Amino acid sequence: MSVIEFEPVNRQSTAEMIADRLRTAITRGALAPGAQLVEADLAAQFDVSRGPVREAMQRLVSEGLLHSIRHRGIFVIELTLDDVVDVYRARTAIEGGALELILDGRREIAYLALEPSVTAMRASAESGDPTGVSDADQSFHEALVHSAGSPRLIRAARTLFIETRMCLGALETTYADVGIQVQEHAELREAIGSGTPTRARKLLIDHMHDAVTRLRARP
């Protein structure tokens, strides 16, 4: 009987843990766009050997969050306006696909799943917290994709959501009134719950297009 050779479990889990922490640091801006990641330094900070760190960084390179420059090293990606517009185009396709699955028998699931995000968004808007509104905005769209029940859509959306979070600081300031941001999501939730499919599709597409328009209008 042939024996399958597996990597040690602890090394695999350590690499994934490091990848998760690096993703969070990129998402929250602790690792800024363009920042260089040094394998030896990270190994010392995480108190691990360089192998798991190297594997974690390669995972993020494959996800598109880091990029390697020959003879220079590995860096956090920097998003241009064209990149951000492309992110929203891709998100429109993925979230549109998720919406179709939701409209085909998962409307109540999605309606309930979206409620906490809308509530949090409204509370943040009323307290004058635009960052809280943006965090809830992100949670809304993550819940939308998760509600479709498609593991592949969830995986495809993950990097796009991280890239979106990297530019949300710019996006949140494009709303002169964050109440509009809240209203857009509340209306989309209601359309998903009980509106016509045509209205739900239109609100989602309009919302994505509006985000791109706001970003393009920035100096």
Protein backbone atom coordinates (compact mmCIF):
# COMPACT_ATOMS: atom_id res chain seq x y z
CA MET A 1 0.00 0.00 0.00
CA SER A 2 1.38 3.38 -0.98
CA VAL A 3 1.78 5.97 1.75
CA ILE A 4 0.62 9.55 1.16
CA GLU A 5 2.99 12.09 2.65
CA PHE A 6 1.25 15.02 4.32
CA GLU A 7 2.81 18.17 5.71
CA PRO A 8 2.79 18.36 9.52
CA VAL A 9 -0.53 19.68 10.79
CA ASN A 10 1.04 22.28 13.08
CA ARG A 11 3.05 23.85 10.24
CA GLN A 12 -0.05 24.05 8.02
CA SER A 13 -2.15 25.67 10.74
CA THR A 14 0.62 28.10 11.65
CA ALA A 15 0.92 29.29 8.04
CA GLU A 16 -2.83 29.81 7.81
CA MET A 17 -2.89 31.68 11.11
CA ILE A 18 -0.14 34.00 9.90
CA ALA A 19 -1.94 34.52 6.58
CA ASP A 20 -5.11 35.45 8.46
CA ARG A 21 -3.27 37.98 10.61
CA LEU A 22 -1.57 39.52 7.60
CA ARG A 23 -4.92 39.79 5.79
CA THR A 24 -6.40 41.57 8.80
CA ALA A 25 -3.43 43.95 8.98
CA ILE A 26 -3.82 44.77 5.28
CA THR A 27 -7.57 45.19 5.62
CA ARG A 28 -7.27 47.56 8.57
CA GLY A 29 -4.39 49.56 7.13
CA ALA A 30 -1.81 48.42 9.72
CA LEU A 31 0.13 47.23 6.67
CA ALA A 32 -0.23 50.16 4.32
CA PRO A 33 -0.41 49.89 0.52
CA GLY A 34 3.13 49.64 -0.81
CA ALA A 35 4.57 48.41 2.50
CA GLN A 36 7.34 45.84 2.18
CA LEU A 37 7.08 42.55 4.10
CA VAL A 38 10.39 41.13 5.27
CA GLU A 39 10.31 37.41 5.91
CA ALA A 40 12.94 37.42 8.69
CA ASP A 41 11.30 40.31 10.52
CA LEU A 42 7.86 38.70 10.41
CA ALA A 43 9.27 35.36 11.60
CA ALA A 44 10.76 37.14 14.60
CA GLN A 45 7.51 38.98 15.36
CA PHE A 46 5.41 35.82 15.13
CA ASP A 47 8.12 33.82 16.95
CA VAL A 48 8.13 31.09 14.31
CA SER A 49 10.57 29.77 11.71
CA ARG A 50 10.70 31.44 8.31
CA GLY A 51 8.97 28.52 6.53
CA PRO A 52 5.39 29.22 7.69
CA VAL A 53 5.89 32.95 7.07
CA ARG A 54 7.09 32.27 3.53
CA GLU A 55 4.09 30.01 2.90
CA ALA A 56 1.66 32.59 4.34
CA MET A 57 3.06 35.35 2.15
CA GLN A 58 2.85 33.16 -0.95
CA ARG A 59 -0.82 32.52 -0.18
CA LEU A 60 -1.47 36.25 -0.13
CA VAL A 61 0.53 36.69 -3.34
CA SER A 62 -1.74 34.12 -5.00
CA GLU A 63 -4.79 35.97 -3.64
CA GLY A 64 -3.53 39.22 -5.12
CA LEU A 65 -3.06 41.08 -1.82
CA LEU A 66 0.73 40.99 -2.01
CA HIS A 67 2.96 41.17 -5.06
CA SER A 68 6.55 40.15 -5.59
CA ILE A 69 9.10 42.41 -7.30
CA ARG A 70 12.19 40.58 -8.54
CA HIS A 71 15.34 41.38 -6.56
CA ARG A 72 13.39 43.75 -4.31
CA GLY A 73 10.95 41.73 -2.22
CA ILE A 74 7.25 41.33 -1.45
CA PHE A 75 4.95 44.31 -1.03
CA VAL A 76 1.32 45.09 -0.18
CA ILE A 77 -0.58 45.97 -3.34
CA GLU A 78 -1.36 49.58 -4.15
CA LEU A 79 -4.77 50.19 -5.70
CA THR A 80 -5.10 52.77 -8.46
CA LEU A 81 -8.47 54.27 -9.34
CA ASP A 82 -8.67 51.89 -12.30
CA ASP A 83 -8.03 48.97 -9.92
CA VAL A 84 -10.83 50.10 -7.59
CA VAL A 85 -13.24 50.50 -10.50
CA ASP A 86 -12.32 46.99 -11.64
CA VAL A 87 -12.95 45.68 -8.11
CA TYR A 88 -16.48 47.08 -8.22
CA ARG A 89 -17.08 45.61 -11.68
CA ALA A 90 -16.06 42.19 -10.37
CA ARG A 91 -18.15 42.64 -7.25
CA THR A 92 -21.17 43.54 -9.38
CA ALA A 93 -20.79 40.22 -11.21
CA ILE A 94 -20.31 38.17 -8.04
CA GLU A 95 -22.97 39.88 -5.94
CA GLY A 96 -25.33 39.80 -8.91
CA GLY A 97 -24.81 36.04 -9.11
CA ALA A 98 -25.40 35.75 -5.38
CA LEU A 99 -28.60 37.77 -5.73
CA GLU A 100 -29.91 35.40 -8.39
CA LEU A 101 -29.42 32.44 -6.04
CA ILE A 102 -31.12 34.37 -3.24
CA LEU A 103 -34.09 35.24 -5.44
CA ASP A 104 -34.42 31.55 -6.27
CA GLY A 105 -35.64 30.39 -2.86
CA ARG A 106 -33.38 32.08 -0.30
CA ARG A 107 -35.04 35.48 0.11
CA GLU A 108 -36.09 35.04 3.73
CA ILE A 109 -32.63 33.77 4.67
CA ALA A 110 -31.01 36.84 3.11
CA TYR A 111 -33.56 39.27 4.55
CA LEU A 112 -32.85 38.07 8.08
CA ALA A 113 -29.08 37.92 7.54
CA LEU A 114 -28.95 41.52 6.29
CA GLU A 115 -30.88 42.99 9.22
CA PRO A 116 -27.96 43.34 11.70
CA SER A 117 -25.86 45.26 9.16
CA VAL A 118 -28.65 47.71 8.34
CA THR A 119 -29.33 48.25 12.05
CA ALA A 120 -25.63 48.84 12.77
CA MET A 121 -25.34 51.16 9.78
CA ARG A 122 -28.30 53.25 10.91
CA ALA A 123 -27.01 53.47 14.50
CA SER A 124 -23.56 54.58 13.29
CA ALA A 125 -25.09 57.20 11.01
CA GLU A 126 -27.20 58.60 13.85
CA SER A 127 -24.14 58.85 16.11
CA GLY A 128 -22.06 60.57 13.42
CA ASP A 129 -19.67 57.65 12.91
CA PRO A 130 -18.84 57.31 9.18
CA THR A 131 -16.26 54.58 9.85
CA GLY A 132 -18.93 52.54 11.62
CA VAL A 133 -21.23 53.06 8.65
CA SER A 134 -18.51 51.78 6.31
CA ASP A 135 -17.83 48.74 8.50
CA ALA A 136 -21.54 47.90 8.49
CA ASP A 137 -21.66 48.51 4.73
CA GLN A 138 -18.93 45.89 4.29
CA SER A 139 -20.76 43.46 6.58
CA PHE A 140 -23.96 43.93 4.55
CA HIS A 141 -22.32 42.84 1.31
CA GLU A 142 -20.50 39.95 2.95
CA ALA A 143 -23.83 38.76 4.38
CA LEU A 144 -25.43 39.11 0.95
CA VAL A 145 -22.89 36.79 -0.65
CA HIS A 146 -22.97 34.32 2.25
CA SER A 147 -26.77 34.17 2.04
CA ALA A 148 -26.52 32.73 -1.47
CA GLY A 149 -25.13 29.51 0.03
CA SER A 150 -22.37 29.16 -2.57
CA PRO A 151 -18.90 28.38 -1.18
CA ARG A 152 -17.33 29.31 -4.51
CA LEU A 153 -18.93 32.73 -4.61
CA ILE A 154 -17.81 33.30 -1.03
CA ARG A 155 -14.22 32.39 -1.92
CA ALA A 156 -14.29 34.55 -5.05
CA ALA A 157 -15.61 37.52 -3.08
CA ARG A 158 -13.13 37.35 -0.20
CA THR A 159 -10.20 39.14 -1.84
CA LEU A 160 -12.52 41.67 -3.48
CA PHE A 161 -13.97 42.58 -0.08
CA ILE A 162 -10.48 43.04 1.36
CA GLU A 163 -9.52 45.26 -1.56
CA THR A 164 -12.74 47.21 -1.06
CA ARG A 165 -11.96 47.66 2.63
CA MET A 166 -8.55 49.05 1.70
CA CYS A 167 -10.24 51.89 -0.19
CA LEU A 168 -13.29 52.38 2.07
CA GLY A 169 -11.61 55.30 3.78
CA ALA A 170 -11.86 57.11 0.46
CA LEU A 171 -15.34 55.85 -0.29
CA GLU A 172 -16.95 56.89 2.99
CA THR A 173 -15.97 60.53 2.49
CA THR A 174 -17.78 60.71 -0.85
CA TYR A 175 -21.15 60.65 0.94
CA ALA A 176 -22.03 64.17 2.05
CA ASP A 177 -24.83 62.54 4.04
CA VAL A 178 -24.19 59.00 5.31
CA GLY A 179 -27.97 58.71 5.71
CA ILE A 180 -28.10 58.19 1.95
CA GLN A 181 -25.69 55.28 2.30
CA VAL A 182 -27.96 53.75 4.94
CA GLN A 183 -31.08 54.30 2.84
CA GLU A 184 -29.58 52.56 -0.19
CA HIS A 185 -28.88 49.41 1.82
CA ALA A 186 -32.21 49.46 3.65
CA GLU A 187 -34.07 49.72 0.34
CA LEU A 188 -32.02 46.88 -1.15
CA ARG A 189 -32.78 44.68 1.85
CA GLU A 190 -36.51 45.34 1.56
CA ALA A 191 -36.43 44.59 -2.17
CA ILE A 192 -34.63 41.33 -1.48
CA GLY A 193 -37.19 40.42 1.15
CA SER A 194 -40.42 41.27 -0.62
CA GLY A 195 -39.84 43.39 -3.71
CA THR A 196 -39.92 42.29 -7.31
CA PRO A 197 -36.77 40.55 -8.61
CA THR A 198 -36.43 43.32 -11.18
CA ARG A 199 -36.33 45.98 -8.47
CA ALA A 200 -33.81 44.04 -6.38
CA ARG A 201 -31.49 43.61 -9.37
CA LYS A 202 -31.79 47.29 -10.31
CA LEU A 203 -31.05 48.53 -6.79
CA LEU A 204 -27.93 46.36 -6.51
CA ILE A 205 -26.57 47.46 -9.89
CA ASP A 206 -27.40 51.11 -9.23
CA HIS A 207 -25.69 50.92 -5.85
CA MET A 208 -22.49 49.54 -7.39
CA HIS A 209 -22.52 52.05 -10.21
CA ASP A 210 -23.08 54.86 -7.72
CA ALA A 211 -19.99 53.80 -5.75
CA VAL A 212 -17.86 53.91 -8.90
CA THR A 213 -19.30 57.30 -9.88
CA ARG A 214 -18.46 58.71 -6.46
CA LEU A 215 -14.92 57.39 -6.64
CA ARG A 216 -14.38 58.76 -10.14
CA ALA A 217 -15.61 62.17 -8.99
CA ARG A 218 -12.94 62.42 -6.29
CA PRO A 219 -10.02 64.79 -7.01
